[in-house]
Every structure is written in structure tokens, then in C-alpha cells.
Amino acid sequence: MDTRLAGYSSPVLSTFRIVFGLLYTLHGSMKLFGWPIGTAVPTGTWPYWFAALIEFVLGLLIVAGLFTRIAAFIASGEMAFAYFYQHWPPLKGGASSSFWPFDRQLGGNGGELVIMFCFAFLLIATTGAGALSVDARRRRRVATAGAAPRRQFRGFRR
């Protein structure tokens, strides 16, 4: 099974990156523009507007696969900050805050999605963008441009 699935790792990694990057972009666009659903937060509101800007820009970079590792690393850090700032009980305050990061309706603190985004972007930061990315095209172009010119064989000389 491992050998059979190993050939799919790069395209599946690219699909994973594109899906998570698109979801991240949409989270930012909902806060910035109120699109596709929701209401935009006021410009300059700390930390929500700045988080939305980070999510939108880094999400686009991750979807395209451009500067993927650094964008995903920053996105992972932003999600960790969001969890501790918005969901973690000691920082959130109040005895009613639950330690468990599940849905608020189930009695949790609502941070499950934030944790999943954090670790998904950490995975992308460590594994790279995959074959279907701008980074992969740039790597191929740099590799061929930096290669030494091939010597042509001109026959025997006496």
C-alpha cells in the first residue's frame, strides 16, 4: 500500500495546500470584505482586521504555491496566536471557559478549527508546496538556468 500511494504524495500535497489556502483566503475575505458571507470588520481594528489581511494575503500565496514555506510558517504562527488570544482559557479569562478546543455549543472553547489550521500550515511549511506550484516551476527554471552548457561532440581531432 505504501509504494502504491507514494506516487500520489506530491499531487495530493498540492491539493491539500490549495484547499487549505483557499479556505484561509476566504476566512480573510469574510473579515475584510464581508464576502462570501458575513460582515466586514472595521478597517484597522486590532487584531481582527490585521489578522484578516494576513489571512487573505498569505492564503493567496499558499494557493498559488508562491513562497509557500515562509507563508505557511507565518500563517501557522498567526493561527497559534489566534488560539491563545481568542480561545485559550487562561488568557480568555473566566471560569466558564473550557479547556477543550471543540465547538462552543458542545461546551468547548471553539478553537478546534484554529488548531487544525495551525498544524496544517506547519505541515505545509515543512513539506513544501508540492509539484503543482509556482515554487516548483521557479525551482525547475533556476535549475536549468544554472546548469553548465552541454559540450557538443565534434568528432575526433588529430
C-alpha atoms as a PDB file:
ATOM      1  CA  MET A   1       0.000   0.000   0.000  1.00  0.00           C
ATOM      2  CA  ASP A   2       2.832   2.421   0.844  1.00  0.00           C
ATOM      3  CA  THR A   3       4.540   2.014  -2.516  1.00  0.00           C
ATOM      4  CA  ARG A   4       1.248   2.298  -4.388  1.00  0.00           C
ATOM      5  CA  LEU A   5       0.276   5.558  -2.640  1.00  0.00           C
ATOM      6  CA  ALA A   6       3.791   7.077  -2.633  1.00  0.00           C
ATOM      7  CA  GLY A   7       3.436   8.162  -6.259  1.00  0.00           C
ATOM      8  CA  TYR A   8       0.445  10.309  -5.343  1.00  0.00           C
ATOM      9  CA  SER A   9       2.091  12.207  -2.500  1.00  0.00           C
ATOM     10  CA  SER A  10       3.096  15.314  -4.465  1.00  0.00           C
ATOM     11  CA  PRO A  11      -0.250  15.882  -6.258  1.00  0.00           C
ATOM     12  CA  VAL A  12      -2.169  15.195  -3.036  1.00  0.00           C
ATOM     13  CA  LEU A  13       0.111  17.589  -1.138  1.00  0.00           C
ATOM     14  CA  SER A  14      -0.602  20.229  -3.778  1.00  0.00           C
ATOM     15  CA  THR A  15      -4.344  19.612  -3.460  1.00  0.00           C
ATOM     16  CA  PHE A  16      -4.111  19.812   0.343  1.00  0.00           C
ATOM     17  CA  ARG A  17      -2.198  23.105   0.086  1.00  0.00           C
ATOM     18  CA  ILE A  18      -4.671  24.599  -2.395  1.00  0.00           C
ATOM     19  CA  VAL A  19      -7.744  23.617  -0.339  1.00  0.00           C
ATOM     20  CA  PHE A  20      -6.341  24.898   2.961  1.00  0.00           C
ATOM     21  CA  GLY A  21      -5.008  28.048   1.304  1.00  0.00           C
ATOM     22  CA  LEU A  22      -8.381  28.732  -0.306  1.00  0.00           C
ATOM     23  CA  LEU A  23     -10.221  28.248   2.996  1.00  0.00           C
ATOM     24  CA  TYR A  24      -7.721  30.550   4.693  1.00  0.00           C
ATOM     25  CA  THR A  25      -8.165  33.168   1.958  1.00  0.00           C
ATOM     26  CA  LEU A  26     -11.938  33.003   2.376  1.00  0.00           C
ATOM     27  CA  HIS A  27     -11.597  33.492   6.143  1.00  0.00           C
ATOM     28  CA  GLY A  28      -9.670  36.673   5.403  1.00  0.00           C
ATOM     29  CA  SER A  29     -12.088  37.871   2.722  1.00  0.00           C
ATOM     30  CA  MET A  30     -15.070  37.405   5.050  1.00  0.00           C
ATOM     31  CA  LYS A  31     -13.437  39.681   7.616  1.00  0.00           C
ATOM     32  CA  LEU A  32     -12.025  42.188   5.113  1.00  0.00           C
ATOM     33  CA  PHE A  33     -14.859  42.460   2.578  1.00  0.00           C
ATOM     34  CA  GLY A  34     -17.800  40.590   4.084  1.00  0.00           C
ATOM     35  CA  TRP A  35     -17.590  38.149   1.169  1.00  0.00           C
ATOM     36  CA  PRO A  36     -18.835  35.445   0.558  1.00  0.00           C
ATOM     37  CA  ILE A  37     -20.749  35.688   3.853  1.00  0.00           C
ATOM     38  CA  GLY A  38     -20.565  37.770   6.979  1.00  0.00           C
ATOM     39  CA  THR A  39     -19.851  41.380   7.721  1.00  0.00           C
ATOM     40  CA  ALA A  40     -16.533  43.133   7.223  1.00  0.00           C
ATOM     41  CA  VAL A  41     -14.717  44.276  10.353  1.00  0.00           C
ATOM     42  CA  PRO A  42     -13.888  47.995  10.547  1.00  0.00           C
ATOM     43  CA  THR A  43     -10.567  48.906   8.926  1.00  0.00           C
ATOM     44  CA  GLY A  44      -7.669  48.978  11.352  1.00  0.00           C
ATOM     45  CA  THR A  45      -9.460  47.107  14.150  1.00  0.00           C
ATOM     46  CA  TRP A  46      -6.909  45.310  16.331  1.00  0.00           C
ATOM     47  CA  PRO A  47      -6.366  42.366  15.942  1.00  0.00           C
ATOM     48  CA  TYR A  48      -9.219  41.280  13.660  1.00  0.00           C
ATOM     49  CA  TRP A  49      -8.591  43.498  10.628  1.00  0.00           C
ATOM     50  CA  PHE A  50      -4.855  42.802  10.681  1.00  0.00           C
ATOM     51  CA  ALA A  51      -5.497  39.073  11.077  1.00  0.00           C
ATOM     52  CA  ALA A  52      -7.869  39.256   8.091  1.00  0.00           C
ATOM     53  CA  LEU A  53      -5.226  40.975   5.986  1.00  0.00           C
ATOM     54  CA  ILE A  54      -2.654  38.324   6.925  1.00  0.00           C
ATOM     55  CA  GLU A  55      -5.127  35.530   6.176  1.00  0.00           C
ATOM     56  CA  PHE A  56      -6.114  36.974   2.807  1.00  0.00           C
ATOM     57  CA  VAL A  57      -2.605  37.711   1.508  1.00  0.00           C
ATOM     58  CA  LEU A  58      -0.922  34.583   2.862  1.00  0.00           C
ATOM     59  CA  GLY A  59      -3.871  32.477   1.715  1.00  0.00           C
ATOM     60  CA  LEU A  60      -3.399  33.710  -1.851  1.00  0.00           C
ATOM     61  CA  LEU A  61       0.334  32.961  -1.683  1.00  0.00           C
ATOM     62  CA  ILE A  62      -0.342  29.469  -0.342  1.00  0.00           C
ATOM     63  CA  VAL A  63      -2.975  28.743  -3.012  1.00  0.00           C
ATOM     64  CA  ALA A  64      -0.570  29.810  -5.754  1.00  0.00           C
ATOM     65  CA  GLY A  65       2.325  27.994  -4.130  1.00  0.00           C
ATOM     66  CA  LEU A  66       4.495  31.121  -4.126  1.00  0.00           C
ATOM     67  CA  PHE A  67       6.932  31.492  -1.195  1.00  0.00           C
ATOM     68  CA  THR A  68       4.901  28.654   0.268  1.00  0.00           C
ATOM     69  CA  ARG A  69       7.127  27.577   3.132  1.00  0.00           C
ATOM     70  CA  ILE A  70       7.537  31.042   4.651  1.00  0.00           C
ATOM     71  CA  ALA A  71       3.870  31.964   4.028  1.00  0.00           C
ATOM     72  CA  ALA A  72       2.672  28.742   5.660  1.00  0.00           C
ATOM     73  CA  PHE A  73       5.046  29.206   8.596  1.00  0.00           C
ATOM     74  CA  ILE A  74       3.721  32.724   9.227  1.00  0.00           C
ATOM     75  CA  ALA A  75       0.135  31.500   8.791  1.00  0.00           C
ATOM     76  CA  SER A  76       0.771  28.742  11.329  1.00  0.00           C
ATOM     77  CA  GLY A  77       2.096  31.301  13.792  1.00  0.00           C
ATOM     78  CA  GLU A  78      -0.885  33.560  13.202  1.00  0.00           C
ATOM     79  CA  MET A  79      -3.240  30.673  13.947  1.00  0.00           C
ATOM     80  CA  ALA A  80      -1.310  29.821  17.132  1.00  0.00           C
ATOM     81  CA  PHE A  81      -1.608  33.463  18.206  1.00  0.00           C
ATOM     82  CA  ALA A  82      -5.326  33.398  17.382  1.00  0.00           C
ATOM     83  CA  TYR A  83      -5.844  30.309  19.514  1.00  0.00           C
ATOM     84  CA  PHE A  84      -4.060  31.705  22.543  1.00  0.00           C
ATOM     85  CA  TYR A  85      -5.548  35.191  22.130  1.00  0.00           C
ATOM     86  CA  GLN A  86      -9.130  34.180  21.422  1.00  0.00           C
ATOM     87  CA  HIS A  87      -9.727  30.658  22.727  1.00  0.00           C
ATOM     88  CA  TRP A  88      -7.301  29.540  25.441  1.00  0.00           C
ATOM     89  CA  PRO A  89      -8.935  29.712  28.900  1.00  0.00           C
ATOM     90  CA  PRO A  90      -6.112  31.277  30.975  1.00  0.00           C
ATOM     91  CA  LEU A  91      -5.844  34.190  28.542  1.00  0.00           C
ATOM     92  CA  LYS A  92      -9.541  34.398  27.718  1.00  0.00           C
ATOM     93  CA  GLY A  93     -10.474  34.549  31.371  1.00  0.00           C
ATOM     94  CA  GLY A  94     -13.475  33.403  33.258  1.00  0.00           C
ATOM     95  CA  ALA A  95     -14.231  30.110  34.913  1.00  0.00           C
ATOM     96  CA  SER A  96     -16.744  29.297  32.175  1.00  0.00           C
ATOM     97  CA  SER A  97     -14.039  28.937  29.517  1.00  0.00           C
ATOM     98  CA  SER A  98     -13.450  25.302  28.683  1.00  0.00           C
ATOM     99  CA  PHE A  99     -10.007  23.812  28.233  1.00  0.00           C
ATOM    100  CA  TRP A 100     -11.249  21.587  25.374  1.00  0.00           C
ATOM    101  CA  PRO A 101     -10.959  23.124  21.891  1.00  0.00           C
ATOM    102  CA  PHE A 102     -14.239  21.786  20.495  1.00  0.00           C
ATOM    103  CA  ASP A 103     -17.430  23.523  19.403  1.00  0.00           C
ATOM    104  CA  ARG A 104     -18.792  26.117  21.834  1.00  0.00           C
ATOM    105  CA  GLN A 105     -22.262  24.561  21.585  1.00  0.00           C
ATOM    106  CA  LEU A 106     -20.797  21.335  22.956  1.00  0.00           C
ATOM    107  CA  GLY A 107     -19.159  23.171  25.853  1.00  0.00           C
ATOM    108  CA  GLY A 108     -15.721  23.702  24.299  1.00  0.00           C
ATOM    109  CA  ASN A 109     -13.797  26.904  23.652  1.00  0.00           C
ATOM    110  CA  GLY A 110     -14.328  26.901  19.854  1.00  0.00           C
ATOM    111  CA  GLY A 111     -10.652  26.628  18.943  1.00  0.00           C
ATOM    112  CA  GLU A 112     -10.684  23.303  17.086  1.00  0.00           C
ATOM    113  CA  LEU A 113     -10.594  24.853  13.597  1.00  0.00           C
ATOM    114  CA  VAL A 114      -7.814  27.242  14.617  1.00  0.00           C
ATOM    115  CA  ILE A 115      -5.674  24.356  15.873  1.00  0.00           C
ATOM    116  CA  MET A 116      -6.266  22.383  12.663  1.00  0.00           C
ATOM    117  CA  PHE A 117      -5.261  25.375  10.530  1.00  0.00           C
ATOM    118  CA  CYS A 118      -2.160  25.901  12.683  1.00  0.00           C
ATOM    119  CA  PHE A 119      -0.917  22.349  12.253  1.00  0.00           C
ATOM    120  CA  ALA A 120      -1.960  22.081   8.598  1.00  0.00           C
ATOM    121  CA  PHE A 121       0.140  25.142   7.790  1.00  0.00           C
ATOM    122  CA  LEU A 122       3.003  23.796   9.876  1.00  0.00           C
ATOM    123  CA  LEU A 123       2.826  20.627   7.782  1.00  0.00           C
ATOM    124  CA  ILE A 124       2.889  22.660   4.552  1.00  0.00           C
ATOM    125  CA  ALA A 125       5.808  24.732   5.868  1.00  0.00           C
ATOM    126  CA  THR A 126       7.838  21.593   6.484  1.00  0.00           C
ATOM    127  CA  THR A 127       6.860  19.582   3.385  1.00  0.00           C
ATOM    128  CA  GLY A 128       6.741  22.366   0.783  1.00  0.00           C
ATOM    129  CA  ALA A 129       4.210  23.210  -1.886  1.00  0.00           C
ATOM    130  CA  GLY A 130       4.228  20.060  -3.994  1.00  0.00           C
ATOM    131  CA  ALA A 131       4.640  19.719  -7.737  1.00  0.00           C
ATOM    132  CA  LEU A 132       1.694  21.901  -8.753  1.00  0.00           C
ATOM    133  CA  SER A 133       3.011  25.244  -7.550  1.00  0.00           C
ATOM    134  CA  VAL A 134       4.798  28.388  -8.630  1.00  0.00           C
ATOM    135  CA  ASP A 135       7.673  27.421  -6.315  1.00  0.00           C
ATOM    136  CA  ALA A 136       8.166  24.140  -8.204  1.00  0.00           C
ATOM    137  CA  ARG A 137       8.205  25.969 -11.558  1.00  0.00           C
ATOM    138  CA  ARG A 138      10.692  28.512 -10.224  1.00  0.00           C
ATOM    139  CA  ARG A 139      12.935  25.703  -8.937  1.00  0.00           C
ATOM    140  CA  ARG A 140      12.926  23.987 -12.334  1.00  0.00           C
ATOM    141  CA  ARG A 141      13.712  27.247 -14.131  1.00  0.00           C
ATOM    142  CA  VAL A 142      16.581  28.084 -11.758  1.00  0.00           C
ATOM    143  CA  ALA A 143      17.958  24.545 -12.022  1.00  0.00           C
ATOM    144  CA  THR A 144      18.026  24.649 -15.830  1.00  0.00           C
ATOM    145  CA  ALA A 145      19.324  28.231 -15.991  1.00  0.00           C
ATOM    146  CA  GLY A 146      22.179  27.486 -13.592  1.00  0.00           C
ATOM    147  CA  ALA A 147      23.285  24.316 -15.359  1.00  0.00           C
ATOM    148  CA  ALA A 148      26.559  24.360 -17.234  1.00  0.00           C
ATOM    149  CA  PRO A 149      26.201  24.415 -21.015  1.00  0.00           C
ATOM    150  CA  ARG A 150      26.479  20.991 -22.595  1.00  0.00           C
ATOM    151  CA  ARG A 151      29.616  20.366 -24.593  1.00  0.00           C
ATOM    152  CA  GLN A 152      28.960  19.263 -28.102  1.00  0.00           C
ATOM    153  CA  PHE A 153      30.940  16.403 -29.551  1.00  0.00           C
ATOM    154  CA  ARG A 154      32.641  17.481 -32.759  1.00  0.00           C
ATOM    155  CA  GLY A 155      34.329  14.245 -33.744  1.00  0.00           C
ATOM    156  CA  PHE A 156      37.907  13.110 -33.394  1.00  0.00           C
ATOM    157  CA  ARG A 157      40.774  15.533 -33.747  1.00  0.00           C
ATOM    158  CA  ARG A 158      44.233  14.599 -34.884  1.00  0.00           C
END
